[in-house]
Each structure stands twice: as structure tokens, then as C-alpha cells.
Amino acid sequence: MKPDIIALCNQKGGVGKTTCAVNIAAGLARLGKKVLLVDFDPQAHLTYSLGFVAHDLKQTVYSVIKKSVPLDEALLEHSGMRLLPANLELAEMENEKADFHDGEFTLKNKLAGVRDMEYVLIDCPPSAGFLTSNALACSKDIYIPLQMEFLALKGMGRLMSRIEEVQKSLNKNLHISGIIPTRFDARRKLNNAIMDSIRERFGNKVFSTVIRENIAVAEAPSFGQTIFEYAPKSHGAEDFLSLCEEIINRK
């Protein structure tokens, strides 16, 4: 059985992309799903967020791609999910893209043998370069975490244009399947106005579940933990588990 491959993508940083990747994967694992997380951002925030010292790792996603290390040899485990980690070495892939004979399909071909997972979640870098093209070329679905602020919404047009380019040239089966409202505070008029705007524009692509502003969600990565480990009774844990149930029901 082929897994559902989902890219978490937004060219604007600070919208909760990595936080969503970590906690969606953890929530799906808690619900009994087999999940592989791929850190495809040279900043390696996903890897650090799960308590691994990225800069000390010898085997990473770059090792699998560039040095043909078997995928299983690079995988780490945390909270019932598996992680293909990254470190700053991955940034070299942008500079060396002429060396990859598979071009934008390099990551797709490396993940082609994954059969024992139900979901593969790829944390994309906040850019439109070669790495993001690779992530989108191998994905079926895109989830876009979107902070309920004006500048985050303004950047959506640029992101949509990039996705359309990939759909035309690399992956006609790619779909924007979910927009995840993050850091929502119902007391703020602007948050509510932006929520209304994205629901009007994107309809049922916007998840019903909203990730509310929650300090525990922001704190958990500094302890190398998911929200379910750090604060299992918090609003953040409640929201992410609800989002994962919605993801499963949409499948």
C-alpha cells in the first residue's frame, strides 16, 4: 500500500509549518496510524523540535539522497512515529542540483520504496527553490498552515502561483487539500476577519479545526517534545488531535 504523501508548505516563515508537521504526525500516531516525517528544511527545526541534535547526526535525508545511504539506516524514532532528519548539509542540494540526474524527482524516487507507512509528512523549507520543488513533485496533497494575520494572508497569492507551476510541469496530481488556521484568537477582530476571508476564498479546503493560540504549543519544541508529551491536557493537544481526526475522515 502506498502512503499518502503530504507536503506542509508555506513560503512565509513563522506561520506554524514545522509545529503543524510535528504535532499532526504525533496525533496520527496516537490514533494508530503509521507515520513517517521527512525534515526537508536545512534549518532542521523539525529535527531539533523532536529532541535530536541535528548538527551531530551522520545519517540524514541528504545522506539518503546524495550518498545513497539506505533510507532505513537514516530513520529515527520518536513517540511512535519515524523521522528522516535533516541538518544544514541539506542546503548543499540547492547548489548541487545539476548533479542530481533525477532533478525535481530525486526525493520522489528515494521515497518510492516506502510501503509500510500510511502517511508521509514532508516539512518544506520556506522558499520556492529546488528543495520545495522536490517535495511538491512527490506529494499528493499540500497542507498550508496559515497564521491569522494580514501579512500571512498576503503571501498566499505567491504560494498559489508556485503550486500551479508545479502542477503544470511536475505533478498534475498535486492538490491543495487543506488549509490549517493557526495561532487563532477569537478575541481579535483581525483574526476573525481573516478567518472569514479564507473560508470565503477556499471553502471546504479550510479545515474545520482551528489551532488556537496556545503557549504550550510554542514551548514544547524547546523540550524536544510534541504537544501530546509536553501538555497533553492543553488546548493545543485538543486542537491537534481534532485536526488529525478530521484528516483521517477526509481520506
Protein backbone atom coordinates (compact mmCIF):
# COMPACT_ATOMS: atom_id res chain seq x y z
CA MET A 1 0.00 0.00 0.00
CA LYS A 2 1.35 3.41 -0.97
CA PRO A 3 1.25 6.05 1.75
CA ASP A 4 -0.48 9.40 1.45
CA ILE A 5 2.37 11.87 0.91
CA ILE A 6 1.56 15.32 2.26
CA ALA A 7 3.74 18.43 1.93
CA LEU A 8 3.39 21.10 4.58
CA CYS A 9 4.22 24.22 2.69
CA ASN A 10 4.24 27.98 3.10
CA GLN A 11 6.85 30.36 1.73
CA LYS A 12 6.37 32.67 4.70
CA GLY A 13 8.23 31.62 7.82
CA GLY A 14 6.75 31.71 11.31
CA VAL A 15 3.26 30.51 10.38
CA GLY A 16 3.47 27.24 12.32
CA LYS A 17 4.53 24.93 9.48
CA THR A 18 7.00 22.83 11.45
CA THR A 19 4.81 22.88 14.56
CA CYS A 20 1.95 21.51 12.47
CA ALA A 21 4.15 18.83 10.88
CA VAL A 22 5.38 17.58 14.28
CA ASN A 23 2.02 17.55 16.00
CA ILE A 24 -0.05 16.23 13.10
CA ALA A 25 2.39 13.33 12.80
CA ALA A 26 2.26 12.73 16.55
CA GLY A 27 -1.53 12.95 16.60
CA LEU A 28 -1.90 10.49 13.72
CA ALA A 29 0.46 8.11 15.51
CA ARG A 30 -1.64 8.39 18.68
CA LEU A 31 -4.66 7.44 16.57
CA GLY A 32 -2.89 4.27 15.45
CA LYS A 33 -1.53 5.40 12.10
CA LYS A 34 1.95 4.61 10.79
CA VAL A 35 3.67 7.91 10.04
CA LEU A 36 6.97 8.97 8.51
CA LEU A 37 8.11 12.56 8.98
CA VAL A 38 10.61 13.98 6.47
CA ASP A 39 12.55 17.07 7.52
CA PHE A 40 13.30 18.74 4.19
CA ASP A 41 14.33 22.12 5.55
CA PRO A 42 18.09 22.77 6.01
CA GLN A 43 17.29 24.72 9.18
CA ALA A 44 16.33 21.31 10.63
CA HIS A 45 13.78 22.85 13.01
CA LEU A 46 11.68 19.69 12.79
CA THR A 47 14.62 17.51 13.80
CA TYR A 48 15.56 19.81 16.70
CA SER A 49 11.90 20.02 17.77
CA LEU A 50 11.87 16.29 18.45
CA GLY A 51 14.94 16.49 20.65
CA PHE A 52 17.60 15.36 18.19
CA VAL A 53 20.85 17.33 17.83
CA ALA A 54 20.69 17.80 14.08
CA HIS A 55 24.23 19.11 13.62
CA ASP A 56 25.67 15.94 15.21
CA LEU A 57 23.76 13.49 13.00
CA LYS A 58 25.76 11.48 10.48
CA GLN A 59 22.86 10.00 8.54
CA THR A 60 20.16 12.39 7.28
CA VAL A 61 17.86 12.91 4.32
CA TYR A 62 20.87 14.39 2.50
CA SER A 63 22.83 11.17 3.12
CA VAL A 64 19.98 9.17 1.60
CA ILE A 65 19.78 11.44 -1.44
CA LYS A 66 23.43 12.29 -2.09
CA LYS A 67 25.32 9.32 -0.69
CA SER A 68 22.78 6.57 -1.37
CA VAL A 69 22.54 5.57 2.29
CA PRO A 70 19.56 3.16 2.62
CA LEU A 71 16.51 5.00 3.92
CA ASP A 72 16.06 2.69 6.91
CA GLU A 73 19.60 3.43 8.12
CA ALA A 74 18.84 7.14 8.47
CA LEU A 75 15.49 6.86 10.26
CA LEU A 76 14.99 7.89 13.89
CA GLU A 77 12.01 7.15 16.14
CA HIS A 78 10.02 9.37 18.46
CA SER A 79 6.58 8.90 20.02
CA GLY A 80 5.51 6.10 17.72
CA MET A 81 6.49 7.88 14.51
CA ARG A 82 9.58 7.69 12.34
CA LEU A 83 11.71 10.65 11.29
CA LEU A 84 14.01 11.15 8.33
CA PRO A 85 16.07 14.00 9.82
CA ALA A 86 17.91 16.92 8.25
CA ASN A 87 20.75 19.24 9.06
CA LEU A 88 22.42 22.20 7.39
CA GLU A 89 24.13 19.85 4.93
CA LEU A 90 20.83 19.71 3.06
CA ALA A 91 21.36 23.31 1.92
CA GLU A 92 24.03 21.97 -0.46
CA MET A 93 21.30 20.33 -2.51
CA GLU A 94 20.26 23.74 -3.84
CA ASN A 95 23.83 24.41 -5.02
CA GLU A 96 24.37 20.91 -6.41
CA LYS A 97 21.09 20.48 -8.27
CA ALA A 98 22.89 19.94 -11.58
CA ASP A 99 24.43 16.81 -10.02
CA PHE A 100 21.08 15.11 -9.46
CA HIS A 101 20.14 13.15 -12.55
CA ASP A 102 16.55 12.78 -11.34
CA GLY A 103 16.22 16.56 -10.91
CA GLU A 104 12.99 17.53 -9.17
CA PHE A 105 12.04 13.85 -8.88
CA THR A 106 15.04 12.93 -6.71
CA LEU A 107 13.10 12.81 -3.43
CA LYS A 108 10.16 11.06 -5.09
CA ASN A 109 12.40 8.26 -6.28
CA LYS A 110 14.01 7.89 -2.86
CA LEU A 111 10.61 7.59 -1.18
CA ALA A 112 9.18 5.26 -3.83
CA GLY A 113 10.02 2.18 -1.80
CA VAL A 114 8.14 3.29 1.32
CA ARG A 115 5.29 0.83 1.74
CA ASP A 116 4.89 0.27 5.48
CA MET A 117 3.61 3.77 6.25
CA GLU A 118 0.11 5.21 5.91
CA TYR A 119 1.22 8.85 5.91
CA VAL A 120 4.42 10.61 4.87
CA LEU A 121 4.56 14.24 6.01
CA ILE A 122 7.21 16.49 4.45
CA ASP A 123 8.21 19.71 6.18
CA CYS A 124 9.18 22.02 3.30
CA PRO A 125 11.59 24.95 3.55
CA PRO A 126 10.07 28.47 3.47
CA SER A 127 11.25 29.09 -0.09
CA ALA A 128 10.36 28.23 -3.68
CA GLY A 129 13.65 26.58 -4.67
CA PHE A 130 14.85 23.14 -5.71
CA LEU A 131 14.08 21.53 -2.34
CA THR A 132 10.46 22.67 -2.34
CA SER A 133 10.05 21.57 -5.97
CA ASN A 134 11.26 18.09 -4.96
CA ALA A 135 8.83 17.95 -2.06
CA LEU A 136 5.86 19.02 -4.17
CA ALA A 137 6.79 16.74 -7.06
CA CYS A 138 6.41 13.67 -4.86
CA SER A 139 3.33 14.73 -2.89
CA LYS A 140 -0.33 14.07 -3.46
CA ASP A 141 -1.60 16.69 -1.04
CA ILE A 142 -0.48 20.09 0.22
CA TYR A 143 -1.41 21.36 3.65
CA ILE A 144 -0.88 25.10 4.12
CA PRO A 145 -0.58 26.30 7.72
CA LEU A 146 -1.81 29.89 7.75
CA GLN A 147 -1.43 32.27 10.65
CA MET A 148 -4.44 34.52 11.10
CA GLU A 149 -2.55 37.74 10.33
CA PHE A 150 -2.58 40.16 7.41
CA LEU A 151 0.95 39.51 6.07
CA ALA A 152 0.49 35.74 6.15
CA LEU A 153 -2.63 36.10 4.03
CA LYS A 154 -0.87 38.48 1.62
CA GLY A 155 1.74 35.85 0.81
CA MET A 156 -0.84 33.31 -0.31
CA GLY A 157 -1.00 34.63 -3.89
CA ARG A 158 2.69 33.97 -4.47
CA LEU A 159 2.42 30.50 -2.97
CA MET A 160 -0.61 29.63 -5.11
CA SER A 161 1.25 30.68 -8.26
CA ARG A 162 4.18 28.42 -7.35
CA ILE A 163 1.86 25.48 -6.71
CA GLU A 164 0.18 26.00 -10.09
CA GLU A 165 3.60 25.94 -11.80
CA VAL A 166 4.42 22.61 -10.16
CA GLN A 167 1.02 21.18 -11.09
CA LYS A 168 1.62 22.06 -14.75
CA SER A 169 5.24 20.99 -15.06
CA LEU A 170 5.94 18.29 -12.47
CA ASN A 171 2.90 16.83 -10.76
CA LYS A 172 -0.57 17.06 -12.23
CA ASN A 173 -1.94 15.00 -9.31
CA LEU A 174 -0.92 17.58 -6.70
CA HIS A 175 -3.79 19.21 -4.79
CA ILE A 176 -4.18 21.81 -2.09
CA SER A 177 -6.15 19.59 0.25
CA GLY A 178 -6.08 21.51 3.49
CA ILE A 179 -5.53 24.98 4.87
CA ILE A 180 -4.81 24.94 8.60
CA PRO A 181 -5.71 28.13 10.51
CA THR A 182 -3.00 28.61 13.18
CA ARG A 183 -2.50 30.84 16.22
CA PHE A 184 -6.16 31.79 16.19
CA ASP A 185 -7.52 34.02 18.93
CA ALA A 186 -11.28 34.55 18.72
CA ARG A 187 -10.97 37.75 20.79
CA ARG A 188 -9.07 39.51 18.00
CA LYS A 189 -11.16 41.19 15.32
CA LEU A 190 -8.39 40.79 12.73
CA ASN A 191 -8.16 37.05 13.36
CA ASN A 192 -11.89 36.68 12.80
CA ALA A 193 -11.83 38.86 9.67
CA ILE A 194 -9.01 36.82 8.13
CA MET A 195 -10.74 33.58 9.05
CA ASP A 196 -13.89 34.75 7.26
CA SER A 197 -11.78 35.77 4.26
CA ILE A 198 -10.01 32.44 3.84
CA ARG A 199 -13.20 30.43 4.34
CA GLU A 200 -14.88 32.54 1.66
CA ARG A 201 -11.93 32.15 -0.72
CA PHE A 202 -11.03 28.48 -0.16
CA GLY A 203 -14.28 26.93 1.04
CA ASN A 204 -14.05 23.36 2.29
CA LYS A 205 -10.29 23.26 1.73
CA VAL A 206 -10.05 25.07 5.07
CA PHE A 207 -10.09 22.59 7.92
CA SER A 208 -12.96 22.98 10.36
CA THR A 209 -10.46 22.53 13.18
CA VAL A 210 -8.62 25.69 14.18
CA ILE A 211 -5.29 25.65 16.05
CA ARG A 212 -5.83 28.20 18.78
CA GLU A 213 -3.13 30.44 20.21
CA ASN A 214 -1.58 28.34 22.96
CA ILE A 215 1.67 28.94 24.83
CA ALA A 216 2.24 25.21 25.38
CA VAL A 217 2.43 24.64 21.61
CA ALA A 218 5.20 27.23 21.40
CA GLU A 219 7.07 25.83 24.40
CA ALA A 220 7.03 22.12 23.53
CA PRO A 221 9.83 22.16 20.87
CA SER A 222 12.33 23.65 23.34
CA PHE A 223 11.90 20.45 25.39
CA GLY A 224 12.16 18.20 22.32
CA GLN A 225 8.57 17.11 22.79
CA THR A 226 5.31 17.02 20.90
CA ILE A 227 2.33 18.83 22.39
CA PHE A 228 0.91 15.47 23.49
CA GLU A 229 4.01 14.77 25.58
CA TYR A 230 4.53 18.28 26.90
CA ALA A 231 0.97 19.32 27.72
CA PRO A 232 -1.49 16.51 26.94
CA LYS A 233 -4.45 18.35 28.51
CA SER A 234 -3.82 21.70 26.79
CA HIS A 235 -5.95 23.39 24.13
CA GLY A 236 -3.08 22.71 21.73
CA ALA A 237 -3.24 18.94 22.26
CA GLU A 238 -7.02 19.04 21.94
CA ASP A 239 -6.86 21.03 18.70
CA PHE A 240 -4.19 18.90 17.04
CA LEU A 241 -5.94 15.64 17.91
CA SER A 242 -9.18 17.04 16.48
CA LEU A 243 -7.31 18.09 13.32
CA CYS A 244 -5.87 14.59 12.94
CA GLU A 245 -9.32 13.02 13.28
CA GLU A 246 -10.50 15.39 10.54
CA ILE A 247 -7.54 14.40 8.33
CA ILE A 248 -8.35 10.71 8.72
CA ASN A 249 -12.05 11.30 7.99
CA ARG A 250 -11.19 13.23 4.81
CA LYS A 251 -9.11 10.36 3.40
